Each structure stands twice: as C-alpha cells, then as structure tokens.
C-alpha cells in the first residue's frame, strides 16, 4: 500500500527526474510500519484447480497442442461443475428450482468454464448454503 501511495504521490505532485528517484523512495526503511507480507501469489488453494489439472493431464496424455490442453481443462472444469451441481440438486429436499436457476445464471456458467478455481468455489459455496438451509429447516 505504501508503494502505491508513494508512486501516486510522485506522479501527481512531483516531476520524476529518473526511475532511480522512485526506487530510492520505495526501499523499506527500518521503522516502516506499512509493510505487507504476501505469503502466496494464489488467493485459492491448489486443490481448487484439481479439475483443470485433470484436463491438462488428459491433454498431455493425448499429446495435443497447448491451447487445446487449456480448452480441455476448461471442459473438464465445466463437467466437474455440472456433475457437482447435479449432485447438489439431487440431494437437497426442497428449493431445487432455486438452485437450478442460480446454477445456470450466465455469470456462473462463464466462471465455471474459465480457467480458474471458480468451478470448485461455486460448487462448494452453493453446497454449503443449501446444506445450511437444509439443517436449519
């Protein structure tokens, strides 16, 4: 955060003579309290990418081109999401149409087909919400 504010300060208030002016002021000083340590570059667990990894593995076993591997991974993420949503709809006792309509919203479909952890995250969140509702009633 301190780095962003420092760069904004230089861009909007001072004329930058060289990049060394910015880098000299970005260095962490001993008394700086605005240090943000990031332990990981991934916001999600690597387990969330498991369906895509299976698709990439099948693509590698078939020895297809890399862009086709990515499409194969997207297809396996979609298959995983459809299967898991099917199981969720099958096992909840009521509000099945609500889960059906939520599952087939355009943004949900777009995010499950993307090469991200959202196919697992959407399934887990929908299952958690509807299982919580089931336990309440």
C-alpha atoms as a PDB file:
ATOM      1  CA  UNK A   1       0.000   0.000   0.000  1.00  0.00           C
ATOM      2  CA  UNK A   2       2.795   2.389   0.872  1.00  0.00           C
ATOM      3  CA  UNK A   3       4.410   1.761  -2.502  1.00  0.00           C
ATOM      4  CA  UNK A   4       1.204   2.563  -4.381  1.00  0.00           C
ATOM      5  CA  UNK A   5       0.659   5.784  -2.464  1.00  0.00           C
ATOM      6  CA  UNK A   6       4.286   6.749  -2.971  1.00  0.00           C
ATOM      7  CA  UNK A   7       4.055   6.233  -6.722  1.00  0.00           C
ATOM      8  CA  UNK A   8       0.764   8.162  -6.873  1.00  0.00           C
ATOM      9  CA  UNK A   9       2.385  10.944  -4.850  1.00  0.00           C
ATOM     10  CA  UNK A  10       5.262  11.181  -7.295  1.00  0.00           C
ATOM     11  CA  UNK A  11       3.040  11.000 -10.355  1.00  0.00           C
ATOM     12  CA  UNK A  12       0.593  13.671  -9.257  1.00  0.00           C
ATOM     13  CA  UNK A  13       2.730  16.076  -7.245  1.00  0.00           C
ATOM     14  CA  UNK A  14       6.340  15.910  -8.375  1.00  0.00           C
ATOM     15  CA  UNK A  15       8.147  15.652 -11.628  1.00  0.00           C
ATOM     16  CA  UNK A  16      10.127  12.474 -11.849  1.00  0.00           C
ATOM     17  CA  UNK A  17      13.672  13.073 -12.974  1.00  0.00           C
ATOM     18  CA  UNK A  18      14.503   9.391 -13.323  1.00  0.00           C
ATOM     19  CA  UNK A  19      13.340   5.980 -12.208  1.00  0.00           C
ATOM     20  CA  UNK A  20      16.009   5.977  -9.528  1.00  0.00           C
ATOM     21  CA  UNK A  21      14.025   8.711  -7.713  1.00  0.00           C
ATOM     22  CA  UNK A  22      11.131   6.277  -7.343  1.00  0.00           C
ATOM     23  CA  UNK A  23      13.262   3.267  -6.431  1.00  0.00           C
ATOM     24  CA  UNK A  24      15.205   5.221  -3.803  1.00  0.00           C
ATOM     25  CA  UNK A  25      11.968   6.058  -2.008  1.00  0.00           C
ATOM     26  CA  UNK A  26      10.387   2.613  -2.384  1.00  0.00           C
ATOM     27  CA  UNK A  27      13.071   0.856  -0.355  1.00  0.00           C
ATOM     28  CA  UNK A  28      11.879  -0.430   3.005  1.00  0.00           C
ATOM     29  CA  UNK A  29      13.175   1.619   5.867  1.00  0.00           C
ATOM     30  CA  UNK A  30      13.827   0.162   9.372  1.00  0.00           C
ATOM     31  CA  UNK A  31      10.896   1.955  11.066  1.00  0.00           C
ATOM     32  CA  UNK A  32       8.328   1.455   8.301  1.00  0.00           C
ATOM     33  CA  UNK A  33       5.044   0.091   9.678  1.00  0.00           C
ATOM     34  CA  UNK A  34       3.230  -0.232   6.331  1.00  0.00           C
ATOM     35  CA  UNK A  35       4.888  -3.467   5.266  1.00  0.00           C
ATOM     36  CA  UNK A  36       2.513  -6.049   3.765  1.00  0.00           C
ATOM     37  CA  UNK A  37       3.888  -9.568   3.584  1.00  0.00           C
ATOM     38  CA  UNK A  38       2.264 -11.782   0.969  1.00  0.00           C
ATOM     39  CA  UNK A  39       2.926 -15.452   1.577  1.00  0.00           C
ATOM     40  CA  UNK A  40       1.439 -16.729  -1.659  1.00  0.00           C
ATOM     41  CA  UNK A  41       0.582 -15.454  -5.088  1.00  0.00           C
ATOM     42  CA  UNK A  42      -2.539 -17.632  -5.237  1.00  0.00           C
ATOM     43  CA  UNK A  43      -5.667 -16.481  -3.438  1.00  0.00           C
ATOM     44  CA  UNK A  44      -7.076 -20.021  -3.579  1.00  0.00           C
ATOM     45  CA  UNK A  45      -5.819 -23.401  -2.507  1.00  0.00           C
ATOM     46  CA  UNK A  46      -4.159 -25.502  -5.226  1.00  0.00           C
ATOM     47  CA  UNK A  47      -6.844 -28.142  -4.598  1.00  0.00           C
ATOM     48  CA  UNK A  48      -9.338 -25.752  -6.200  1.00  0.00           C
ATOM     49  CA  UNK A  49      -7.570 -26.216  -9.526  1.00  0.00           C
ATOM     50  CA  UNK A  50      -7.907 -30.008  -9.464  1.00  0.00           C
ATOM     51  CA  UNK A  51     -10.485 -30.343 -12.302  1.00  0.00           C
ATOM     52  CA  UNK A  52      -8.344 -28.194 -14.591  1.00  0.00           C
ATOM     53  CA  UNK A  53      -5.274 -30.264 -13.674  1.00  0.00           C
ATOM     54  CA  UNK A  54      -7.101 -33.431 -14.676  1.00  0.00           C
ATOM     55  CA  UNK A  55      -7.979 -31.843 -18.025  1.00  0.00           C
ATOM     56  CA  UNK A  56      -4.386 -30.727 -18.576  1.00  0.00           C
ATOM     57  CA  UNK A  57      -3.202 -34.243 -17.704  1.00  0.00           C
ATOM     58  CA  UNK A  58      -5.557 -35.791 -20.263  1.00  0.00           C
ATOM     59  CA  UNK A  59      -4.367 -33.254 -22.812  1.00  0.00           C
ATOM     60  CA  UNK A  60      -0.749 -34.139 -22.124  1.00  0.00           C
ATOM     61  CA  UNK A  61      -1.510 -37.849 -22.396  1.00  0.00           C
ATOM     62  CA  UNK A  62      -3.170 -37.261 -25.770  1.00  0.00           C
ATOM     63  CA  UNK A  63      -0.152 -35.126 -26.826  1.00  0.00           C
ATOM     64  CA  UNK A  64      -2.266 -32.301 -28.186  1.00  0.00           C
ATOM     65  CA  UNK A  65      -1.218 -28.678 -28.581  1.00  0.00           C
ATOM     66  CA  UNK A  66      -1.079 -26.404 -25.557  1.00  0.00           C
ATOM     67  CA  UNK A  67      -4.045 -24.191 -26.454  1.00  0.00           C
ATOM     68  CA  UNK A  68      -6.147 -27.328 -26.897  1.00  0.00           C
ATOM     69  CA  UNK A  69      -4.950 -28.515 -23.481  1.00  0.00           C
ATOM     70  CA  UNK A  70      -6.308 -25.305 -21.985  1.00  0.00           C
ATOM     71  CA  UNK A  71      -9.659 -25.852 -23.702  1.00  0.00           C
ATOM     72  CA  UNK A  72      -9.638 -29.442 -22.475  1.00  0.00           C
ATOM     73  CA  UNK A  73      -9.043 -28.161 -18.936  1.00  0.00           C
ATOM     74  CA  UNK A  74     -11.950 -25.731 -19.285  1.00  0.00           C
ATOM     75  CA  UNK A  75     -14.210 -28.535 -20.474  1.00  0.00           C
ATOM     76  CA  UNK A  76     -13.268 -30.747 -17.522  1.00  0.00           C
ATOM     77  CA  UNK A  77     -13.958 -27.836 -15.147  1.00  0.00           C
ATOM     78  CA  UNK A  78     -17.397 -27.460 -16.736  1.00  0.00           C
ATOM     79  CA  UNK A  79     -18.067 -31.197 -16.467  1.00  0.00           C
ATOM     80  CA  UNK A  80     -16.993 -31.150 -12.820  1.00  0.00           C
ATOM     81  CA  UNK A  81     -19.233 -28.167 -12.074  1.00  0.00           C
ATOM     82  CA  UNK A  82     -22.228 -29.708 -13.863  1.00  0.00           C
ATOM     83  CA  UNK A  83     -21.780 -33.034 -12.093  1.00  0.00           C
ATOM     84  CA  UNK A  84     -21.366 -31.445  -8.669  1.00  0.00           C
ATOM     85  CA  UNK A  85     -24.350 -29.139  -9.169  1.00  0.00           C
ATOM     86  CA  UNK A  86     -26.373 -32.155 -10.324  1.00  0.00           C
ATOM     87  CA  UNK A  87     -25.496 -33.951  -7.089  1.00  0.00           C
ATOM     88  CA  UNK A  88     -26.376 -30.867  -5.059  1.00  0.00           C
ATOM     89  CA  UNK A  89     -29.763 -30.565  -6.759  1.00  0.00           C
ATOM     90  CA  UNK A  90     -30.382 -34.280  -6.335  1.00  0.00           C
ATOM     91  CA  UNK A  91     -29.748 -34.377  -2.590  1.00  0.00           C
ATOM     92  CA  UNK A  92     -31.416 -31.225  -1.305  1.00  0.00           C
ATOM     93  CA  UNK A  93     -35.041 -31.875  -0.332  1.00  0.00           C
ATOM     94  CA  UNK A  94     -36.547 -28.534  -1.352  1.00  0.00           C
ATOM     95  CA  UNK A  95     -35.762 -25.345  -3.298  1.00  0.00           C
ATOM     96  CA  UNK A  96     -34.375 -27.401  -6.180  1.00  0.00           C
ATOM     97  CA  UNK A  97     -35.543 -24.933  -8.804  1.00  0.00           C
ATOM     98  CA  UNK A  98     -33.838 -22.090  -6.946  1.00  0.00           C
ATOM     99  CA  UNK A  99     -30.523 -23.924  -7.030  1.00  0.00           C
ATOM    100  CA  UNK A 100     -31.157 -24.806 -10.671  1.00  0.00           C
ATOM    101  CA  UNK A 101     -31.725 -21.165 -11.656  1.00  0.00           C
ATOM    102  CA  UNK A 102     -28.751 -19.925  -9.632  1.00  0.00           C
ATOM    103  CA  UNK A 103     -26.539 -22.577 -11.208  1.00  0.00           C
ATOM    104  CA  UNK A 104     -27.452 -21.585 -14.736  1.00  0.00           C
ATOM    105  CA  UNK A 105     -27.033 -17.851 -14.483  1.00  0.00           C
ATOM    106  CA  UNK A 106     -24.770 -16.581 -17.240  1.00  0.00           C
ATOM    107  CA  UNK A 107     -22.007 -15.390 -14.919  1.00  0.00           C
ATOM    108  CA  UNK A 108     -21.948 -18.713 -13.082  1.00  0.00           C
ATOM    109  CA  UNK A 109     -21.584 -20.597 -16.357  1.00  0.00           C
ATOM    110  CA  UNK A 110     -18.899 -18.204 -17.588  1.00  0.00           C
ATOM    111  CA  UNK A 111     -16.919 -18.528 -14.372  1.00  0.00           C
ATOM    112  CA  UNK A 112     -17.148 -22.310 -14.286  1.00  0.00           C
ATOM    113  CA  UNK A 113     -15.836 -22.563 -17.836  1.00  0.00           C
ATOM    114  CA  UNK A 114     -12.938 -20.196 -17.156  1.00  0.00           C
ATOM    115  CA  UNK A 115      -9.502 -21.499 -16.249  1.00  0.00           C
ATOM    116  CA  UNK A 116      -9.811 -20.560 -12.593  1.00  0.00           C
ATOM    117  CA  UNK A 117     -10.763 -22.038  -9.256  1.00  0.00           C
ATOM    118  CA  UNK A 118     -14.318 -20.769  -9.554  1.00  0.00           C
ATOM    119  CA  UNK A 119     -15.797 -24.082 -10.683  1.00  0.00           C
ATOM    120  CA  UNK A 120     -14.863 -25.642  -7.340  1.00  0.00           C
ATOM    121  CA  UNK A 121     -15.610 -22.475  -5.370  1.00  0.00           C
ATOM    122  CA  UNK A 122     -19.109 -22.070  -6.818  1.00  0.00           C
ATOM    123  CA  UNK A 123     -19.923 -25.715  -6.162  1.00  0.00           C
ATOM    124  CA  UNK A 124     -18.612 -25.542  -2.604  1.00  0.00           C
ATOM    125  CA  UNK A 125     -20.443 -22.322  -1.796  1.00  0.00           C
ATOM    126  CA  UNK A 126     -23.766 -23.477  -3.265  1.00  0.00           C
ATOM    127  CA  UNK A 127     -23.484 -26.804  -1.454  1.00  0.00           C
ATOM    128  CA  UNK A 128     -22.643 -25.077   1.817  1.00  0.00           C
ATOM    129  CA  UNK A 129     -25.502 -22.581   1.550  1.00  0.00           C
ATOM    130  CA  UNK A 130     -28.139 -25.142   0.664  1.00  0.00           C
ATOM    131  CA  UNK A 131     -26.895 -27.682   3.219  1.00  0.00           C
ATOM    132  CA  UNK A 132     -27.049 -24.959   5.870  1.00  0.00           C
ATOM    133  CA  UNK A 133     -30.627 -24.157   4.858  1.00  0.00           C
ATOM    134  CA  UNK A 134     -31.448 -27.874   4.963  1.00  0.00           C
ATOM    135  CA  UNK A 135     -30.060 -28.205   8.506  1.00  0.00           C
ATOM    136  CA  UNK A 136     -31.941 -25.123   9.705  1.00  0.00           C
ATOM    137  CA  UNK A 137     -35.294 -26.404   8.454  1.00  0.00           C
END
